[in-house]
Amino acid sequence: MPNELSHEGDTFINFRNYTFQDARSAAFRWVDVKRLRFAAEPADDTELLAALIGHEQFRDDYAGGGVLQDGLRHGPYWVEAVTPDAYGSIGREESDLVLREWANQFEDVPADLATDLRREVFDRLAAAERIYYLSELDGDAVHDWGGVHSDFHEFVLIDRSAGRLTLLVAADD
């Protein structure tokens, strides 16, 4: 029986809305956090990942909001390439390191951005019971700006005790 997910809310953090010492350090980075609730009945992680991939909020996330169904950008290859098997389990420390290095790649983030990232990203990582990371999607997964994984990170956080699944996408678009 498929597990129904209900969209609970989302947070979009655009680095350009914060003041960096060097204005170029914001680049075009953003983080999109989507929170979804799942049914209380038990489901395995594969079922939850499949339900997420089928959810409209999942497709919406691939352009920071809004997708051209058949467009070159985040288009049909996602539908074919992103399956539950494309996600690998990852530890909290490793996921934390990936995101911190990505966020601070040009300079340390401003204090107000660090606060927002802690609340919306790192606190959620700390609370997650399971964390999945989208694996490399081969050469077919190409954005308008190049390969997927150089500056694109997608995590799925599962917190069974809260009945919540969080899709966390960090990108430089």
N, C-alpha and C. Protein backbone atom coordinates (compact mmCIF):
# COMPACT_ATOMS: atom_id res chain seq x y z
N MET A 1 0.85 -1.18 0.00
CA MET A 1 0.00 0.00 0.00
C MET A 1 0.89 1.24 0.00
N PRO A 2 0.73 2.13 -0.98
CA PRO A 2 1.58 3.31 -1.04
C PRO A 2 1.37 4.23 0.17
N ASN A 3 2.45 4.83 0.59
CA ASN A 3 2.38 5.73 1.74
C ASN A 3 2.08 7.14 1.25
N GLU A 4 1.02 7.72 1.75
CA GLU A 4 0.64 9.07 1.37
C GLU A 4 1.47 10.08 2.15
N LEU A 5 1.94 11.07 1.45
CA LEU A 5 2.66 12.18 2.07
C LEU A 5 1.83 13.43 1.95
N SER A 6 1.79 14.22 3.00
CA SER A 6 1.10 15.50 2.92
C SER A 6 2.13 16.61 3.15
N HIS A 7 2.07 17.60 2.29
CA HIS A 7 3.00 18.72 2.36
C HIS A 7 2.67 19.55 3.58
N GLU A 8 3.66 19.72 4.43
CA GLU A 8 3.46 20.43 5.69
C GLU A 8 3.95 21.88 5.60
N GLY A 9 4.93 22.11 4.76
CA GLY A 9 5.48 23.45 4.63
C GLY A 9 6.87 23.41 4.04
N ASP A 10 7.39 24.58 3.74
CA ASP A 10 8.73 24.64 3.18
C ASP A 10 9.40 25.95 3.54
N THR A 11 10.70 25.94 3.39
CA THR A 11 11.52 27.12 3.65
C THR A 11 12.52 27.24 2.51
N PHE A 12 12.63 28.43 1.95
CA PHE A 12 13.59 28.68 0.89
C PHE A 12 14.58 29.71 1.40
N ILE A 13 15.86 29.35 1.40
CA ILE A 13 16.92 30.25 1.86
C ILE A 13 17.78 30.61 0.66
N ASN A 14 17.70 31.87 0.26
CA ASN A 14 18.49 32.37 -0.86
C ASN A 14 19.70 33.12 -0.29
N PHE A 15 20.89 32.64 -0.58
CA PHE A 15 22.10 33.25 -0.03
C PHE A 15 22.24 34.71 -0.45
N ARG A 16 21.64 35.10 -1.57
CA ARG A 16 21.74 36.48 -2.04
C ARG A 16 20.98 37.46 -1.15
N ASN A 17 20.15 36.95 -0.26
CA ASN A 17 19.41 37.80 0.66
C ASN A 17 20.21 38.13 1.92
N TYR A 18 21.46 37.73 1.98
CA TYR A 18 22.32 37.95 3.14
C TYR A 18 23.55 38.75 2.70
N THR A 19 24.14 39.49 3.63
CA THR A 19 25.27 40.35 3.32
C THR A 19 26.58 39.63 3.64
N PHE A 20 27.31 39.30 2.58
CA PHE A 20 28.63 38.68 2.70
C PHE A 20 29.68 39.78 2.64
N GLN A 21 30.89 39.49 3.13
CA GLN A 21 31.98 40.45 3.02
C GLN A 21 32.27 40.75 1.55
N ASP A 22 32.32 39.69 0.74
CA ASP A 22 32.48 39.83 -0.70
C ASP A 22 31.14 39.43 -1.31
N ALA A 23 30.47 40.36 -1.96
CA ALA A 23 29.12 40.11 -2.49
C ALA A 23 29.08 38.90 -3.43
N ARG A 24 30.19 38.58 -4.08
CA ARG A 24 30.23 37.43 -4.99
C ARG A 24 30.17 36.11 -4.24
N SER A 25 30.44 36.13 -2.96
CA SER A 25 30.45 34.89 -2.17
C SER A 25 29.06 34.26 -2.05
N ALA A 26 28.03 35.05 -2.21
CA ALA A 26 26.67 34.49 -2.17
C ALA A 26 26.45 33.59 -3.38
N ALA A 27 27.13 33.91 -4.49
CA ALA A 27 26.96 33.18 -5.74
C ALA A 27 25.47 33.10 -6.05
N PHE A 28 25.01 31.97 -6.52
CA PHE A 28 23.59 31.77 -6.77
C PHE A 28 23.10 30.61 -5.92
N ARG A 29 23.64 30.51 -4.71
CA ARG A 29 23.33 29.38 -3.84
C ARG A 29 21.98 29.57 -3.15
N TRP A 30 21.34 28.45 -2.94
CA TRP A 30 20.07 28.43 -2.22
C TRP A 30 19.87 27.07 -1.58
N VAL A 31 19.02 27.05 -0.57
CA VAL A 31 18.61 25.81 0.08
C VAL A 31 17.09 25.81 0.12
N ASP A 32 16.52 24.69 -0.30
CA ASP A 32 15.07 24.53 -0.24
C ASP A 32 14.79 23.35 0.69
N VAL A 33 13.97 23.59 1.68
CA VAL A 33 13.63 22.57 2.67
C VAL A 33 12.12 22.35 2.58
N LYS A 34 11.73 21.13 2.25
CA LYS A 34 10.30 20.80 2.18
C LYS A 34 10.01 19.75 3.23
N ARG A 35 9.00 20.04 4.04
CA ARG A 35 8.60 19.14 5.11
C ARG A 35 7.29 18.46 4.73
N LEU A 36 7.30 17.13 4.84
CA LEU A 36 6.12 16.34 4.51
C LEU A 36 5.84 15.38 5.66
N ARG A 37 4.57 15.15 5.92
CA ARG A 37 4.13 14.19 6.94
C ARG A 37 3.80 12.88 6.25
N PHE A 38 4.07 11.79 6.95
CA PHE A 38 3.65 10.49 6.43
C PHE A 38 2.76 9.79 7.45
N ALA A 39 2.02 8.82 6.95
CA ALA A 39 1.04 8.11 7.76
C ALA A 39 1.72 7.41 8.93
N ALA A 40 0.95 7.21 9.98
CA ALA A 40 1.49 6.61 11.19
C ALA A 40 1.84 5.13 11.00
N GLU A 41 1.16 4.46 10.07
CA GLU A 41 1.45 3.05 9.90
C GLU A 41 2.88 2.86 9.36
N PRO A 42 3.52 1.81 9.77
CA PRO A 42 4.91 1.61 9.38
C PRO A 42 5.07 1.45 7.87
N ALA A 43 6.14 2.00 7.36
CA ALA A 43 6.51 1.85 5.96
C ALA A 43 8.03 1.77 5.94
N ASP A 44 8.56 1.00 5.01
CA ASP A 44 10.01 0.96 4.96
C ASP A 44 10.52 2.21 4.23
N ASP A 45 11.80 2.46 4.34
CA ASP A 45 12.39 3.67 3.77
C ASP A 45 12.23 3.73 2.26
N THR A 46 12.32 2.58 1.59
CA THR A 46 12.16 2.55 0.14
C THR A 46 10.77 3.04 -0.27
N GLU A 47 9.77 2.62 0.48
CA GLU A 47 8.40 3.05 0.20
C GLU A 47 8.26 4.56 0.41
N LEU A 48 8.87 5.08 1.47
CA LEU A 48 8.82 6.52 1.72
C LEU A 48 9.54 7.30 0.63
N LEU A 49 10.69 6.81 0.18
CA LEU A 49 11.43 7.48 -0.91
C LEU A 49 10.60 7.48 -2.19
N ALA A 50 9.95 6.36 -2.49
CA ALA A 50 9.11 6.27 -3.69
C ALA A 50 7.94 7.25 -3.60
N ALA A 51 7.34 7.35 -2.43
CA ALA A 51 6.23 8.30 -2.25
C ALA A 51 6.71 9.73 -2.44
N LEU A 52 7.89 10.03 -1.95
CA LEU A 52 8.45 11.37 -2.13
C LEU A 52 8.69 11.67 -3.60
N ILE A 53 9.31 10.76 -4.31
CA ILE A 53 9.62 10.95 -5.74
C ILE A 53 8.34 11.18 -6.54
N GLY A 54 7.25 10.55 -6.14
CA GLY A 54 5.98 10.72 -6.83
C GLY A 54 5.21 11.97 -6.42
N HIS A 55 5.67 12.67 -5.42
CA HIS A 55 4.94 13.82 -4.89
C HIS A 55 5.22 15.07 -5.71
N GLU A 56 4.21 15.91 -5.90
CA GLU A 56 4.38 17.14 -6.68
C GLU A 56 5.43 18.08 -6.09
N GLN A 57 5.59 18.08 -4.79
CA GLN A 57 6.59 18.94 -4.17
C GLN A 57 8.01 18.50 -4.53
N PHE A 58 8.19 17.24 -4.84
CA PHE A 58 9.50 16.75 -5.25
C PHE A 58 9.90 17.38 -6.58
N ARG A 59 9.02 17.31 -7.58
CA ARG A 59 9.34 17.91 -8.89
C ARG A 59 9.52 19.41 -8.78
N ASP A 60 8.73 20.05 -7.95
CA ASP A 60 8.82 21.49 -7.79
C ASP A 60 10.20 21.92 -7.33
N ASP A 61 10.87 21.08 -6.58
CA ASP A 61 12.12 21.46 -5.95
C ASP A 61 13.28 21.60 -6.93
N TYR A 62 13.21 21.00 -8.05
CA TYR A 62 14.38 20.94 -8.92
C TYR A 62 14.74 22.20 -9.66
N ALA A 63 13.98 23.23 -9.55
CA ALA A 63 14.42 24.51 -10.11
C ALA A 63 14.25 25.58 -9.05
N GLY A 64 14.28 25.17 -7.81
CA GLY A 64 14.06 26.12 -6.74
C GLY A 64 12.64 26.64 -6.78
N GLY A 65 11.77 25.91 -7.41
CA GLY A 65 10.37 26.29 -7.53
C GLY A 65 10.00 26.45 -8.99
N GLY A 66 9.19 25.55 -9.49
CA GLY A 66 8.72 25.63 -10.87
C GLY A 66 9.58 24.81 -11.80
N VAL A 67 8.96 23.94 -12.55
CA VAL A 67 9.68 23.06 -13.46
C VAL A 67 8.99 23.05 -14.81
N LEU A 68 9.78 23.06 -15.87
CA LEU A 68 9.24 22.83 -17.20
C LEU A 68 9.18 21.32 -17.37
N GLN A 69 8.00 20.79 -17.52
CA GLN A 69 7.78 19.35 -17.55
C GLN A 69 8.71 18.64 -18.53
N ASP A 70 8.88 19.18 -19.72
CA ASP A 70 9.72 18.53 -20.72
C ASP A 70 10.95 19.35 -21.04
N GLY A 71 11.30 20.28 -20.19
CA GLY A 71 12.42 21.16 -20.47
C GLY A 71 13.76 20.51 -20.24
N LEU A 72 14.80 21.14 -20.78
CA LEU A 72 16.17 20.66 -20.61
C LEU A 72 16.57 20.76 -19.14
N ARG A 73 16.07 21.76 -18.48
CA ARG A 73 16.43 22.04 -17.11
C ARG A 73 15.58 21.22 -16.16
N HIS A 74 16.18 20.29 -15.47
CA HIS A 74 15.48 19.46 -14.50
C HIS A 74 14.31 18.73 -15.15
N GLY A 75 14.47 18.33 -16.36
CA GLY A 75 13.37 17.77 -17.12
C GLY A 75 13.22 16.27 -17.00
N PRO A 76 12.93 15.62 -18.11
CA PRO A 76 12.54 14.20 -18.10
C PRO A 76 13.58 13.26 -17.51
N TYR A 77 14.85 13.62 -17.56
CA TYR A 77 15.84 12.68 -17.02
C TYR A 77 15.66 12.46 -15.53
N TRP A 78 15.11 13.45 -14.82
CA TRP A 78 14.87 13.25 -13.39
C TRP A 78 13.81 12.18 -13.17
N VAL A 79 12.79 12.21 -13.98
CA VAL A 79 11.71 11.24 -13.83
C VAL A 79 12.26 9.83 -14.01
N GLU A 80 13.18 9.68 -14.95
CA GLU A 80 13.74 8.36 -15.23
C GLU A 80 14.88 7.99 -14.30
N ALA A 81 15.72 8.95 -13.93
CA ALA A 81 16.95 8.64 -13.20
C ALA A 81 16.77 8.58 -11.69
N VAL A 82 15.87 9.36 -11.15
CA VAL A 82 15.73 9.40 -9.70
C VAL A 82 14.72 8.35 -9.26
N THR A 83 15.25 7.31 -8.64
CA THR A 83 14.45 6.23 -8.09
C THR A 83 14.91 6.03 -6.64
N PRO A 84 14.18 5.27 -5.86
CA PRO A 84 14.66 5.02 -4.49
C PRO A 84 16.08 4.45 -4.46
N ASP A 85 16.43 3.67 -5.47
CA ASP A 85 17.78 3.08 -5.53
C ASP A 85 18.87 4.12 -5.77
N ALA A 86 18.51 5.30 -6.23
CA ALA A 86 19.50 6.36 -6.48
C ALA A 86 19.97 7.02 -5.18
N TYR A 87 19.29 6.71 -4.08
CA TYR A 87 19.65 7.28 -2.78
C TYR A 87 20.46 6.28 -1.98
N GLY A 88 21.50 6.78 -1.34
CA GLY A 88 22.29 5.95 -0.46
C GLY A 88 22.21 6.49 0.96
N SER A 89 22.23 5.58 1.91
CA SER A 89 22.22 6.00 3.31
C SER A 89 23.55 6.69 3.61
N ILE A 90 23.48 7.76 4.37
CA ILE A 90 24.67 8.54 4.70
C ILE A 90 24.59 8.90 6.18
N GLY A 91 25.74 8.98 6.81
CA GLY A 91 25.78 9.32 8.23
C GLY A 91 25.57 10.80 8.48
N ARG A 92 25.20 11.11 9.68
CA ARG A 92 24.94 12.50 10.09
C ARG A 92 26.19 13.36 9.94
N GLU A 93 27.34 12.84 10.39
CA GLU A 93 28.57 13.62 10.33
C GLU A 93 28.98 13.92 8.89
N GLU A 94 28.87 12.92 8.03
CA GLU A 94 29.24 13.12 6.63
C GLU A 94 28.31 14.11 5.93
N SER A 95 27.02 13.99 6.16
CA SER A 95 26.07 14.92 5.54
C SER A 95 26.29 16.34 6.06
N ASP A 96 26.55 16.46 7.34
CA ASP A 96 26.84 17.76 7.95
C ASP A 96 28.07 18.38 7.29
N LEU A 97 29.12 17.59 7.10
CA LEU A 97 30.36 18.07 6.49
C LEU A 97 30.13 18.52 5.05
N VAL A 98 29.39 17.72 4.27
CA VAL A 98 29.10 18.08 2.87
C VAL A 98 28.42 19.45 2.82
N LEU A 99 27.42 19.64 3.66
CA LEU A 99 26.66 20.90 3.62
C LEU A 99 27.45 22.09 4.16
N ARG A 100 28.23 21.87 5.18
CA ARG A 100 29.05 22.98 5.72
C ARG A 100 30.11 23.41 4.71
N GLU A 101 30.77 22.45 4.07
CA GLU A 101 31.77 22.80 3.06
C GLU A 101 31.12 23.53 1.88
N TRP A 102 29.95 23.06 1.47
CA TRP A 102 29.23 23.71 0.37
C TRP A 102 28.84 25.14 0.76
N ALA A 103 28.28 25.33 1.93
CA ALA A 103 27.81 26.64 2.37
C ALA A 103 28.96 27.64 2.52
N ASN A 104 30.10 27.18 3.01
CA ASN A 104 31.23 28.07 3.31
C ASN A 104 32.32 28.02 2.25
N GLN A 105 32.01 27.61 1.05
CA GLN A 105 33.05 27.39 0.05
C GLN A 105 33.78 28.66 -0.38
N PHE A 106 33.18 29.82 -0.30
CA PHE A 106 33.85 31.05 -0.73
C PHE A 106 34.33 31.88 0.45
N GLU A 107 33.58 31.86 1.52
CA GLU A 107 33.94 32.51 2.78
C GLU A 107 32.93 32.02 3.81
N ASP A 108 33.24 32.22 5.07
CA ASP A 108 32.28 31.84 6.10
C ASP A 108 30.98 32.61 5.88
N VAL A 109 29.86 31.91 6.07
CA VAL A 109 28.57 32.58 5.86
C VAL A 109 28.35 33.61 6.96
N PRO A 110 27.60 34.67 6.65
CA PRO A 110 27.27 35.69 7.66
C PRO A 110 26.51 35.07 8.84
N ALA A 111 26.58 35.71 9.99
CA ALA A 111 25.98 35.18 11.22
C ALA A 111 24.48 34.93 11.08
N ASP A 112 23.75 35.84 10.42
CA ASP A 112 22.30 35.64 10.29
C ASP A 112 21.97 34.46 9.39
N LEU A 113 22.77 34.25 8.35
CA LEU A 113 22.59 33.09 7.49
C LEU A 113 22.95 31.81 8.25
N ALA A 114 24.02 31.86 9.02
CA ALA A 114 24.42 30.69 9.82
C ALA A 114 23.30 30.30 10.78
N THR A 115 22.63 31.28 11.36
CA THR A 115 21.52 31.01 12.27
C THR A 115 20.37 30.33 11.52
N ASP A 116 20.02 30.87 10.35
CA ASP A 116 18.94 30.28 9.56
C ASP A 116 19.29 28.87 9.10
N LEU A 117 20.54 28.67 8.67
CA LEU A 117 20.96 27.33 8.25
C LEU A 117 20.95 26.35 9.42
N ARG A 118 21.37 26.80 10.59
CA ARG A 118 21.35 25.92 11.75
C ARG A 118 19.91 25.46 12.04
N ARG A 119 19.00 26.42 12.07
CA ARG A 119 17.60 26.13 12.40
C ARG A 119 16.93 25.25 11.34
N GLU A 120 17.10 25.60 10.08
CA GLU A 120 16.36 24.93 9.00
C GLU A 120 17.06 23.70 8.43
N VAL A 121 18.39 23.65 8.53
CA VAL A 121 19.13 22.56 7.91
C VAL A 121 19.81 21.67 8.96
N PHE A 122 20.74 22.24 9.71
CA PHE A 122 21.57 21.42 10.58
C PHE A 122 20.82 20.85 11.77
N ASP A 123 19.85 21.57 12.33
CA ASP A 123 19.03 21.00 13.41
C ASP A 123 18.18 19.84 12.88
N ARG A 124 17.71 19.94 11.65
CA ARG A 124 16.93 18.85 11.05
C ARG A 124 17.81 17.63 10.81
N LEU A 125 19.05 17.87 10.35
CA LEU A 125 19.98 16.75 10.18
C LEU A 125 20.21 16.05 11.51
N ALA A 126 20.39 16.83 12.56
CA ALA A 126 20.66 16.26 13.88
C ALA A 126 19.48 15.44 14.40
N ALA A 127 18.27 15.82 14.04
CA ALA A 127 17.07 15.13 14.54
C ALA A 127 16.69 13.91 13.69
N ALA A 128 17.21 13.82 12.49
CA ALA A 128 16.81 12.74 11.58
C ALA A 128 17.29 11.38 12.09
N GLU A 129 16.41 10.40 11.95
CA GLU A 129 16.78 9.04 12.31
C GLU A 129 17.52 8.35 11.17
N ARG A 130 17.16 8.72 9.95
CA ARG A 130 17.84 8.18 8.76
C ARG A 130 18.06 9.33 7.79
N ILE A 131 19.19 9.31 7.10
CA ILE A 131 19.52 10.33 6.11
C ILE A 131 19.92 9.62 4.83
N TYR A 132 19.32 10.05 3.73
CA TYR A 132 19.66 9.51 2.42
C TYR A 132 20.19 10.64 1.55
N TYR A 133 21.16 10.30 0.71
CA TYR A 133 21.82 11.28 -0.17
C TYR A 133 21.67 10.80 -1.60
N LEU A 134 21.27 11.70 -2.48
CA LEU A 134 21.10 11.35 -3.88
C LEU A 134 22.47 11.09 -4.50
N SER A 135 22.62 9.92 -5.06
CA SER A 135 23.89 9.52 -5.67
C SER A 135 24.09 10.22 -7.01
N GLU A 136 25.29 10.06 -7.52
CA GLU A 136 25.61 10.58 -8.86
C GLU A 136 24.65 9.95 -9.86
N LEU A 137 24.17 10.73 -10.80
CA LEU A 137 23.16 10.25 -11.74
C LEU A 137 23.70 10.05 -13.16
N ASP A 138 24.98 9.82 -13.29
CA ASP A 138 25.61 9.56 -14.58
C ASP A 138 25.58 10.79 -15.48
N GLY A 139 26.06 10.62 -16.69
CA GLY A 139 26.18 11.72 -17.64
C GLY A 139 24.86 12.23 -18.18
N ASP A 140 23.80 11.46 -18.02
CA ASP A 140 22.50 11.90 -18.53
C ASP A 140 21.89 12.99 -17.66
N ALA A 141 22.35 13.11 -16.44
CA ALA A 141 21.78 14.08 -15.51
C ALA A 141 22.56 15.38 -15.60
N VAL A 142 22.17 16.21 -16.55
CA VAL A 142 22.90 17.46 -16.78
C VAL A 142 21.93 18.62 -16.70
N HIS A 143 22.32 19.62 -15.93
CA HIS A 143 21.54 20.84 -15.83
C HIS A 143 21.96 21.79 -16.96
N ASP A 144 21.30 22.93 -17.04
CA ASP A 144 21.71 23.93 -18.00
C ASP A 144 23.09 24.48 -17.67
N TRP A 145 23.55 24.27 -16.44
CA TRP A 145 24.86 24.76 -16.03
C TRP A 145 25.89 23.66 -15.84
N GLY A 146 25.57 22.44 -16.21
CA GLY A 146 26.57 21.38 -16.14
C GLY A 146 26.11 20.20 -15.32
N GLY A 147 27.08 19.46 -14.78
CA GLY A 147 26.79 18.25 -14.04
C GLY A 147 26.03 18.50 -12.76
N VAL A 148 25.35 17.48 -12.30
CA VAL A 148 24.47 17.62 -11.15
C VAL A 148 25.22 17.83 -9.85
N HIS A 149 26.25 17.05 -9.58
CA HIS A 149 26.76 16.98 -8.22
C HIS A 149 27.88 17.92 -7.85
N SER A 150 28.34 18.77 -8.73
CA SER A 150 29.41 19.66 -8.31
C SER A 150 28.90 20.66 -7.27
N ASP A 151 27.76 21.22 -7.49
CA ASP A 151 27.18 22.17 -6.54
C ASP A 151 25.70 21.90 -6.31
N PHE A 152 25.33 20.64 -6.29
CA PHE A 152 23.95 20.25 -6.07
C PHE A 152 23.95 19.09 -5.09
N HIS A 153 23.25 19.27 -3.99
CA HIS A 153 23.21 18.23 -2.96
C HIS A 153 21.76 18.03 -2.53
N GLU A 154 21.31 16.80 -2.59
CA GLU A 154 19.95 16.49 -2.17
C GLU A 154 19.97 15.41 -1.09
N PHE A 155 19.29 15.71 -0.01
CA PHE A 155 19.18 14.79 1.11
C PHE A 155 17.70 14.56 1.42
N VAL A 156 17.39 13.35 1.86
CA VAL A 156 16.07 13.04 2.38
C VAL A 156 16.27 12.62 3.82
N LEU A 157 15.61 13.33 4.71
CA LEU A 157 15.73 13.08 6.14
C LEU A 157 14.44 12.41 6.63
N ILE A 158 14.58 11.30 7.30
CA ILE A 158 13.41 10.60 7.81
C ILE A 158 13.44 10.61 9.33
N ASP A 159 12.38 11.16 9.90
CA ASP A 159 12.23 11.22 11.35
C ASP A 159 10.92 10.49 11.68
N ARG A 160 11.03 9.20 11.93
CA ARG A 160 9.83 8.38 12.17
C ARG A 160 9.09 8.79 13.43
N SER A 161 9.82 9.17 14.46
CA SER A 161 9.15 9.52 15.72
C SER A 161 8.25 10.74 15.54
N ALA A 162 8.61 11.64 14.62
CA ALA A 162 7.78 12.81 14.34
C ALA A 162 6.83 12.58 13.16
N GLY A 163 6.99 11.44 12.46
CA GLY A 163 6.17 11.17 11.29
C GLY A 163 6.46 12.15 10.17
N ARG A 164 7.74 12.56 10.06
CA ARG A 164 8.10 13.60 9.10
C ARG A 164 9.22 13.13 8.18
N LEU A 165 9.09 13.52 6.93
CA LEU A 165 10.13 13.34 5.93
C LEU A 165 10.49 14.73 5.44
N THR A 166 11.78 15.02 5.34
CA THR A 166 12.22 16.33 4.88
C THR A 166 13.08 16.16 3.65
N LEU A 167 12.73 16.88 2.60
CA LEU A 167 13.54 16.94 1.39
C LEU A 167 14.37 18.20 1.50
N LEU A 168 15.68 18.04 1.43
CA LEU A 168 16.59 19.16 1.60
C LEU A 168 17.47 19.24 0.35
N VAL A 169 17.33 20.32 -0.40
CA VAL A 169 18.11 20.52 -1.61
C VAL A 169 18.95 21.78 -1.44
N ALA A 170 20.26 21.62 -1.64
CA ALA A 170 21.20 22.73 -1.57
C ALA A 170 21.88 22.82 -2.93
N ALA A 171 21.82 23.98 -3.57
CA ALA A 171 22.34 24.09 -4.93
C ALA A 171 22.93 25.46 -5.20
N ASP A 172 23.72 25.52 -6.23
CA ASP A 172 24.22 26.77 -6.79
C ASP A 172 23.70 26.79 -8.21
N ASP A 173 22.65 27.52 -8.40
CA ASP A 173 21.93 27.49 -9.67
C ASP A 173 22.35 28.67 -10.51
